Structure formats: structure tokens, C-alpha cells
Amino acid sequence: MLTLSVFLLGLLCLTHADCNNPTVRKEWRTLSTDERVNWLSAVKCLSELPHDTALTPFVNPDDIVAVNASGSYYDDIVYMHMDLNHLIHFTGLFLPFHRWYVQMYENALTEKCGFNGTSPYWDWAADAPDVYGSTMFQDFDPVSGLGGWGNLSNDAQVPNGAFSDFKLSYPSYHTLRRNFTLQPYIGLDPTLFTDPYMDANASFTQSEVDKMVNGFVGDYKGFQSYLEGFEGAHGSVHEILGGDLGGTCPSTAPANCTPGPTFSANEPMFWMHHAMVDKVWYDWQNSDSANAGIFYGGSVQMIDNATIYAEYPNGGPPMLSLDSVMHADGMFEESTVGDVINTTAGILCYIYE
């Protein structure tokens, strides 16, 4: 049997006292041009605000660079993800932390940059048959478009759209990068990446999403590990976009730059990707009463080898609970897992269309 960390939180049947009219998160392509411009301009606004001295790394891992005090407020939010990387991936915090992270980002857009909408999501399942040709990456308008694909001959810099001049500080100063990568797993550890020649888009098709949402009834561990697995939908979306979202080091990076998920939040698509990851979790939570409010996972990554990963795909002891605190590196008020287990309770008040 699973530990007491796995249980139904009865109060989840109730909405938060202040959540009588939840906001509705929508897919990017359903937004009006004005709504797109509002989000894009607010994102760029964060990148023009100065570094916040409140940023206080909690982990300080040795595989990332030190805080760059000349960076922007957007860079500070990215640095949180870099610093907390080992606590929020392949542990029980993966889903609740990123749900919280997207909400804190939305709050920052609203409070600091006049954003008046809700976090959009990217329905990557709809684009799985042809990610490269997706309309998401065919809007080159400098005010309302996300821009297209970069070219490796120019360090994969996004060549057009609203982010063609989007400057970032980590892991070194560079312009936003995006590089379509259909087979990102070739050459990686075959004991963890067991199908290295798979096309990344095979893991986030609509049928794969349906399998996640409608399966794993009452099985939080199984649901998370399928979604976050080494060749699962979460990582495959990161990798197929390459560049910053894929965690590849820019040409300007120091020789000791460590590729990986640390600085993936550089790419504004990160927020729409993780809103979609959150939507898949939301849909799963609402697909069966046995899924509503359950939580299970450990606090320590167990990814050193395939054997230990198979036993602890979402973290090993000490085990987490709904009372476990998610660190905020001084940037935001800390919250617990229980604060975000329901999108219409705790500190949250939104639903998905």
C-alpha cells in the first residue's frame, strides 16, 4: 500500500472561498490578437526590469553559474528553476511546483507589467503530427507572433516575431534560441532512453494524452512517471524545440556549461508548455474521483541508474506530503503542495477551457 501521503483531501470537493468565478486558461491560438500582444508585451516587460536582490538561491548546485546581478527580473525567475532543478524534476514536486511556478509567473506579469489575461497554454498534442509546420511557429509578426525556428548557423537564434531580440543572461548572455530537433535522444544513456531513435513527437500525440488522462486511475506515481519519463511527453516537448527550451548550451556559454532542464525557462514557450502539462494533470484529476487530490512522491531524485529509477521514478525518501513546502528562492511567498493540489482551492482560482 502507498503511504499516508496518498489520500483524498476531502476539502477538494469545495472551491476556495475566494474562487467563485475562476479564470479560464485558453489555448494560444484561440486568443485574439490583442490578447496575444498583451501577453507578449508583458513577457518582454519582465525582461526589461532590473534584477531583484531578493533572489536567494536555496540549493546552489555546482552545475550552474552564479547569479548575474546585471540580469533582468525575467532572468531571476529563470534562475529559480536552475537553482531548484534537482528538487523539482523526477521528484514528487514536479507537478505541484510547476503548477505553482506558472501561477507565480502569471502573477508577476500582472502585478509588474500590466498583464490582464490568464496564462495561455500550447496544445502540443494537436501539433504532434507536424510540430515543425505548426501555426504556432509561423506567426512572424514582431508584435503578436511567437516567431519561427532558428538556424544552427546563427546559434539557433529565433529570427523573427516578438522574441527575435529577447536577451537572456543564463547560462551566458545570448539571444533566445529555438532549434527543431526531431530525434533528440540519439547517443544518450540507452538504459534510461530505451528507444533512442524515436521521434520526440511520438510521445505527445492526442492518443498519448488520452492514455494519460484516462488511465492511471488512483495512481499518482504512475501518472507522473509516464508524463515525466525520460522519453515522455514533458521532456519530448522540451527537446523537440531544442535551443533554450531543450537546455542546449549557447555558443557563448562557458566550457563547463551543463546541458539540461536548468535554464529551459529562458524560452517563453516554457510557460505555455508547462501550462499544457498542468492541463493534462488537471484533466486527469477531474477524469475520476479517485484522482482528485491524491499525491505521492519522494524528495530525492533517484536517476543514477535504470534500476533505482524504476523503483523511485518520482523520487525516493524522505517522502513528501501535502504539507511539504516548495521553495521560492526569495522571489515569491512559499507555498505547500496542498496549496496547489486543486486549481480552484488553496491559492489558485482557475480552470481550463
Protein backbone atom coordinates (compact mmCIF):
# COMPACT_ATOMS: atom_id res chain seq x y z
CA MET A 1 0.00 0.00 0.00
CA LEU A 2 1.10 3.55 -0.58
CA THR A 3 1.91 5.71 2.43
CA LEU A 4 -0.47 8.12 4.11
CA SER A 5 0.81 10.79 1.73
CA VAL A 6 -1.63 9.28 -0.72
CA PHE A 7 -5.12 10.22 0.29
CA LEU A 8 -8.15 12.13 -0.81
CA LEU A 9 -8.30 15.65 0.52
CA GLY A 10 -11.99 15.98 1.32
CA LEU A 11 -11.94 19.72 1.09
CA LEU A 12 -11.10 19.45 -2.59
CA CYS A 13 -14.79 18.94 -3.22
CA LEU A 14 -15.17 22.58 -2.19
CA THR A 15 -13.88 25.58 -4.08
CA HIS A 16 -11.75 28.17 -2.38
CA ALA A 17 -13.79 30.77 -0.51
CA ASP A 18 -12.48 33.42 -2.89
CA CYS A 19 -12.87 31.30 -6.02
CA ASN A 20 -16.46 31.76 -7.02
CA ASN A 21 -15.51 32.90 -10.51
CA PRO A 22 -12.35 31.11 -11.63
CA THR A 23 -10.40 32.50 -14.55
CA VAL A 24 -10.22 30.38 -17.69
CA ARG A 25 -6.92 29.45 -19.27
CA LYS A 26 -7.13 29.16 -23.06
CA GLU A 27 -5.08 27.72 -25.89
CA TRP A 28 -2.81 30.30 -27.54
CA ARG A 29 -4.46 30.10 -30.94
CA THR A 30 -7.90 30.85 -29.51
CA LEU A 31 -6.70 34.22 -28.19
CA SER A 32 -7.44 37.41 -30.07
CA THR A 33 -4.54 39.39 -31.50
CA ASP A 34 -4.92 41.93 -28.71
CA GLU A 35 -4.76 39.16 -26.09
CA ARG A 36 -1.62 37.75 -27.66
CA VAL A 37 0.00 41.18 -27.75
CA ASN A 38 -0.91 41.72 -24.11
CA TRP A 39 0.89 38.53 -23.04
CA LEU A 40 3.90 39.01 -25.31
CA SER A 41 4.45 42.60 -24.26
CA ALA A 42 4.19 41.67 -20.58
CA VAL A 43 6.76 38.89 -21.03
CA LYS A 44 9.15 41.31 -22.69
CA CYS A 45 8.45 43.84 -19.94
CA LEU A 46 9.72 41.37 -17.30
CA SER A 47 12.93 41.02 -19.30
CA GLU A 48 13.41 44.78 -19.13
CA LEU A 49 13.01 45.05 -15.37
CA PRO A 50 16.17 45.00 -13.22
CA HIS A 51 17.47 42.11 -11.14
CA ASP A 52 15.65 41.61 -7.84
CA THR A 53 18.09 41.46 -4.94
CA ALA A 54 15.56 39.32 -3.07
CA LEU A 55 16.70 36.34 -5.18
CA THR A 56 18.34 34.00 -2.69
CA PRO A 57 19.33 30.58 -4.07
CA PHE A 58 18.32 27.74 -1.78
CA VAL A 59 20.28 24.86 -3.33
CA ASN A 60 23.31 26.47 -5.01
CA PRO A 61 24.19 23.38 -7.06
CA ASP A 62 27.64 23.20 -8.59
CA ASP A 63 26.33 22.60 -12.12
CA ILE A 64 25.02 26.14 -12.68
CA VAL A 65 26.62 29.57 -12.85
CA ALA A 66 26.34 32.14 -10.06
CA VAL A 67 23.58 34.75 -10.01
CA ASN A 68 24.19 37.52 -12.54
CA ALA A 69 23.29 40.77 -10.79
CA SER A 70 23.24 42.57 -14.14
CA GLY A 71 20.47 40.31 -15.42
CA SER A 72 16.76 41.04 -15.55
CA TYR A 73 13.79 40.14 -13.39
CA TYR A 74 12.86 37.56 -16.03
CA ASP A 75 16.35 36.09 -15.62
CA ASP A 76 15.73 35.91 -11.86
CA ILE A 77 12.63 33.79 -12.40
CA VAL A 78 14.64 31.54 -14.71
CA TYR A 79 17.37 31.25 -12.09
CA MET A 80 14.86 29.84 -9.61
CA HIS A 81 14.33 26.92 -11.97
CA MET A 82 18.07 26.50 -12.36
CA ASP A 83 18.71 26.53 -8.63
CA LEU A 84 15.86 24.19 -7.70
CA ASN A 85 16.33 21.81 -10.64
CA HIS A 86 17.28 18.73 -8.61
CA LEU A 87 14.34 19.23 -6.23
CA ILE A 88 11.61 19.72 -8.83
CA HIS A 89 12.33 17.13 -11.53
CA PHE A 90 11.93 13.38 -11.04
CA THR A 91 10.60 14.04 -7.53
CA GLY A 92 7.09 14.38 -6.20
CA LEU A 93 7.36 18.16 -6.55
CA PHE A 94 7.42 18.06 -10.35
CA LEU A 95 3.72 18.66 -10.96
CA PRO A 96 2.83 20.87 -7.96
CA PHE A 97 5.94 23.02 -8.26
CA HIS A 98 5.45 23.76 -11.95
CA ARG A 99 1.74 24.47 -11.38
CA TRP A 100 2.78 26.96 -8.71
CA TYR A 101 5.63 28.33 -10.85
CA VAL A 102 3.35 29.13 -13.79
CA GLN A 103 0.92 30.86 -11.44
CA MET A 104 3.67 32.94 -9.81
CA TYR A 105 4.87 33.90 -13.29
CA GLU A 106 1.36 34.96 -14.26
CA ASN A 107 1.12 36.99 -11.05
CA ALA A 108 4.39 38.74 -11.91
CA LEU A 109 3.17 39.54 -15.42
CA THR A 110 0.02 41.04 -13.92
CA GLU A 111 1.50 42.93 -10.99
CA LYS A 112 4.66 44.24 -12.63
CA CYS A 113 3.76 44.55 -16.31
CA GLY A 114 0.03 45.19 -16.61
CA PHE A 115 -0.96 41.79 -17.99
CA ASN A 116 -4.74 41.45 -17.77
CA GLY A 117 -5.28 37.92 -19.07
CA THR A 118 -4.63 34.37 -17.91
CA SER A 119 -1.72 32.05 -18.66
CA PRO A 120 -2.18 30.60 -22.16
CA TYR A 121 -1.29 27.02 -22.95
CA TRP A 122 0.04 25.32 -26.06
CA ASP A 123 -1.90 22.22 -27.07
CA TRP A 124 1.11 20.34 -28.36
CA ALA A 125 -0.98 17.20 -28.88
CA ALA A 126 -2.78 19.00 -31.70
CA ASP A 127 0.58 19.75 -33.32
CA ALA A 128 2.24 16.40 -32.74
CA PRO A 129 1.73 15.25 -36.36
CA ASP A 130 3.78 18.22 -37.62
CA VAL A 131 5.48 20.32 -34.96
CA TYR A 132 7.83 21.95 -37.44
CA GLY A 133 4.92 23.16 -39.57
CA SER A 134 2.75 24.21 -36.63
CA THR A 135 0.99 27.55 -36.94
CA MET A 136 2.46 28.37 -33.53
CA PHE A 137 5.79 28.95 -35.25
CA GLN A 138 4.54 30.58 -38.44
CA ASP A 139 3.50 33.92 -37.00
CA PHE A 140 6.44 36.23 -37.57
CA ASP A 141 4.69 39.46 -36.62
CA PRO A 142 7.08 41.48 -34.43
CA VAL A 143 4.30 42.41 -32.02
CA SER A 144 1.87 39.49 -31.97
CA GLY A 145 3.88 36.49 -33.20
CA LEU A 146 5.94 33.89 -31.38
CA GLY A 147 8.45 33.70 -34.22
CA GLY A 148 9.84 30.74 -36.09
CA TRP A 149 12.76 28.34 -35.97
CA GLY A 150 16.36 29.33 -35.55
CA ASN A 151 19.24 28.07 -37.65
CA LEU A 152 22.34 26.45 -36.16
CA SER A 153 24.49 28.60 -38.45
CA ASN A 154 23.33 31.54 -36.32
CA ASP A 155 23.37 29.73 -32.97
CA ALA A 156 19.68 28.85 -33.48
CA GLN A 157 18.59 32.38 -32.59
CA VAL A 158 14.87 32.99 -33.12
CA PRO A 159 14.94 35.04 -36.31
CA ASN A 160 11.62 36.88 -36.20
CA GLY A 161 8.48 37.51 -34.17
CA ALA A 162 8.23 39.28 -30.84
CA PHE A 163 11.24 37.45 -29.37
CA SER A 164 13.83 37.99 -32.09
CA ASP A 165 15.66 40.37 -29.77
CA PHE A 166 14.88 38.60 -26.48
CA LYS A 167 18.09 38.78 -24.44
CA LEU A 168 18.88 36.28 -21.69
CA SER A 169 21.61 36.01 -19.07
CA TYR A 170 21.86 32.27 -18.39
CA PRO A 171 23.95 30.26 -18.76
CA SER A 172 25.63 33.20 -20.53
CA TYR A 173 24.38 36.31 -22.27
CA HIS A 174 22.64 35.41 -25.55
CA THR A 175 19.54 35.87 -27.68
CA LEU A 176 16.67 33.38 -27.38
CA ARG A 177 17.36 30.16 -29.29
CA ARG A 178 14.98 27.60 -30.83
CA ASN A 179 16.03 24.64 -32.98
CA PHE A 180 13.68 21.91 -34.23
CA THR A 181 15.14 18.54 -33.15
CA LEU A 182 13.10 15.52 -34.16
CA GLN A 183 15.34 12.82 -32.67
CA PRO A 184 16.92 14.30 -29.55
CA TYR A 185 17.69 11.04 -27.72
CA ILE A 186 20.34 9.57 -30.02
CA GLY A 187 23.57 8.94 -28.14
CA LEU A 188 22.09 9.24 -24.66
CA ASP A 189 22.20 6.55 -21.95
CA PRO A 190 20.33 3.61 -23.56
CA THR A 191 19.38 2.19 -20.15
CA LEU A 192 17.28 5.29 -19.47
CA PHE A 193 16.48 6.32 -23.04
CA THR A 194 15.43 2.89 -24.21
CA ASP A 195 14.23 3.98 -27.66
CA PRO A 196 16.92 6.46 -28.70
CA TYR A 197 15.80 6.64 -32.34
CA MET A 198 12.19 7.50 -31.55
CA ASP A 199 10.77 10.71 -32.95
CA ALA A 200 10.11 13.00 -30.00
CA ASN A 201 6.61 13.87 -31.19
CA ALA A 202 5.52 10.23 -30.82
CA SER A 203 5.23 10.72 -27.06
CA PHE A 204 2.82 13.66 -27.04
CA THR A 205 0.18 12.71 -29.59
CA GLN A 206 -3.51 13.02 -28.72
CA SER A 207 -3.69 9.27 -28.16
CA GLU A 208 -0.82 9.54 -25.67
CA VAL A 209 -2.57 12.38 -23.86
CA ASP A 210 -5.80 10.37 -23.77
CA LYS A 211 -3.87 7.43 -22.34
CA MET A 212 -2.56 9.62 -19.53
CA VAL A 213 -5.81 11.41 -18.77
CA ASN A 214 -7.99 8.31 -18.82
CA GLY A 215 -5.51 5.85 -17.35
CA PHE A 216 -3.58 5.53 -14.09
CA VAL A 217 -6.77 5.75 -12.02
CA GLY A 218 -5.79 6.42 -8.43
CA ASP A 219 -2.12 6.07 -9.38
CA TYR A 220 -0.34 9.41 -8.99
CA LYS A 221 3.10 7.83 -9.19
CA GLY A 222 2.26 6.03 -12.42
CA PHE A 223 0.67 9.11 -13.97
CA GLN A 224 3.62 11.37 -13.18
CA SER A 225 6.25 8.87 -14.24
CA TYR A 226 4.54 8.32 -17.60
CA LEU A 227 4.23 12.06 -18.26
CA GLU A 228 7.70 12.97 -16.96
CA GLY A 229 9.56 9.82 -18.02
CA PHE A 230 12.85 10.17 -19.86
CA GLU A 231 11.13 9.83 -23.23
CA GLY A 232 7.74 11.05 -22.05
CA ALA A 233 5.63 13.96 -23.27
CA HIS A 234 7.10 16.53 -20.92
CA GLY A 235 10.73 16.06 -21.90
CA SER A 236 10.00 15.40 -25.55
CA VAL A 237 8.32 18.78 -26.00
CA HIS A 238 11.32 20.45 -24.41
CA GLU A 239 13.72 18.56 -26.65
CA ILE A 240 11.87 18.87 -29.94
CA LEU A 241 12.01 22.67 -29.66
CA GLY A 242 15.70 22.46 -28.85
CA GLY A 243 17.63 25.65 -28.14
CA ASP A 244 16.80 27.14 -24.78
CA LEU A 245 13.73 25.01 -24.11
CA GLY A 246 15.82 21.94 -24.88
CA GLY A 247 18.54 23.08 -22.49
CA THR A 248 21.31 23.13 -25.07
CA CYS A 249 24.21 25.46 -24.31
CA PRO A 250 24.53 28.60 -26.48
CA SER A 251 27.75 29.24 -28.39
CA THR A 252 28.65 31.96 -25.90
CA ALA A 253 28.44 29.58 -22.92
CA PRO A 254 31.49 28.77 -20.83
CA ALA A 255 33.18 25.44 -21.43
CA ASN A 256 31.68 23.96 -18.26
CA CYS A 257 28.09 24.71 -19.28
CA THR A 258 25.91 21.74 -18.31
CA PRO A 259 23.08 20.99 -20.77
CA GLY A 260 19.74 20.07 -19.27
CA PRO A 261 16.49 21.45 -17.93
CA THR A 262 18.04 24.12 -15.72
CA PHE A 263 17.71 27.21 -17.94
CA SER A 264 14.82 25.92 -20.09
CA ALA A 265 12.55 28.64 -18.66
CA ASN A 266 14.53 31.09 -20.84
CA GLU A 267 12.15 30.22 -23.66
CA PRO A 268 8.76 31.94 -23.26
CA MET A 269 7.24 28.80 -24.77
CA PHE A 270 8.21 27.15 -21.46
CA TRP A 271 5.24 28.78 -19.77
CA MET A 272 2.75 27.61 -22.39
CA HIS A 273 4.31 24.15 -22.40
CA HIS A 274 4.02 23.82 -18.64
CA ALA A 275 0.51 25.21 -18.67
CA MET A 276 -0.30 22.31 -21.00
CA VAL A 277 1.48 19.87 -18.68
CA ASP A 278 -0.66 21.33 -15.91
CA LYS A 279 -3.78 20.95 -18.04
CA VAL A 280 -3.03 17.26 -18.58
CA TRP A 281 -2.71 16.87 -14.79
CA TYR A 282 -5.90 18.94 -14.29
CA ASP A 283 -7.79 16.79 -16.80
CA TRP A 284 -6.51 13.61 -15.11
CA GLN A 285 -7.52 14.93 -11.68
CA ASN A 286 -11.01 15.60 -12.98
CA SER A 287 -11.38 12.41 -15.01
CA ASP A 288 -12.11 10.20 -11.98
CA SER A 289 -12.91 10.90 -8.34
CA ALA A 290 -10.09 8.54 -7.36
CA ASN A 291 -7.61 11.04 -8.85
CA ALA A 292 -8.90 14.17 -7.15
CA GLY A 293 -6.47 15.43 -4.57
CA ILE A 294 -4.14 12.45 -4.37
CA PHE A 295 -0.40 12.98 -4.13
CA TYR A 296 2.63 10.74 -3.77
CA GLY A 297 6.35 11.19 -4.27
CA GLY A 298 9.77 11.46 -2.72
CA SER A 299 12.05 14.43 -2.21
CA VAL A 300 15.27 12.97 -3.65
CA GLN A 301 15.99 12.26 -7.32
CA MET A 302 16.74 8.59 -7.99
CA ILE A 303 18.01 8.69 -11.56
CA ASP A 304 21.57 7.40 -11.23
CA ASN A 305 20.67 4.15 -12.98
CA ALA A 306 17.67 2.40 -14.50
CA THR A 307 17.20 0.01 -11.58
CA ILE A 308 16.79 2.63 -8.89
CA TYR A 309 14.78 4.86 -11.24
CA ALA A 310 12.31 2.02 -11.87
CA GLU A 311 11.68 1.83 -8.13
CA TYR A 312 11.54 5.57 -7.49
CA PRO A 313 10.56 7.32 -10.75
CA ASN A 314 9.17 10.31 -8.88
CA GLY A 315 11.64 10.47 -6.03
CA GLY A 316 12.88 8.50 -3.07
CA PRO A 317 12.80 9.08 0.70
CA PRO A 318 12.27 11.28 2.59
CA MET A 319 8.74 11.18 1.21
CA LEU A 320 6.72 14.32 0.58
CA SER A 321 3.20 15.19 1.70
CA LEU A 322 0.58 17.84 1.05
CA ASP A 323 2.25 19.84 3.81
CA SER A 324 5.64 19.87 2.08
CA VAL A 325 6.90 23.38 1.33
CA MET A 326 8.02 24.41 -2.14
CA HIS A 327 10.98 26.77 -2.01
CA ALA A 328 10.74 30.11 -3.79
CA ASP A 329 14.33 31.40 -3.60
CA GLY A 330 13.12 34.64 -2.02
CA MET A 331 11.22 35.64 -5.16
CA PHE A 332 7.69 34.77 -4.06
CA GLU A 333 5.85 33.66 -0.96
CA GLU A 334 6.44 29.96 -0.34
CA SER A 335 3.52 27.55 -0.70
CA THR A 336 2.84 23.93 0.14
CA VAL A 337 1.87 21.11 -2.17
CA GLY A 338 -1.61 21.24 -0.66
CA ASP A 339 -1.94 24.91 -1.62
CA VAL A 340 -1.88 23.97 -5.32
CA ILE A 341 -3.31 20.45 -5.46
CA ASN A 342 -6.61 21.90 -6.68
CA THR A 343 -6.81 24.73 -9.23
CA THR A 344 -9.92 26.18 -7.55
CA ALA A 345 -8.77 25.97 -3.93
CA GLY A 346 -5.82 26.96 -1.80
CA ILE A 347 -4.00 29.84 -3.52
CA LEU A 348 -5.37 29.06 -7.00
CA CYS A 349 -8.52 30.04 -8.86
CA TYR A 350 -8.55 28.91 -12.49
CA ILE A 351 -9.83 26.23 -14.81
CA TYR A 352 -9.01 25.19 -18.38
CA GLU A 353 -11.35 25.62 -21.33
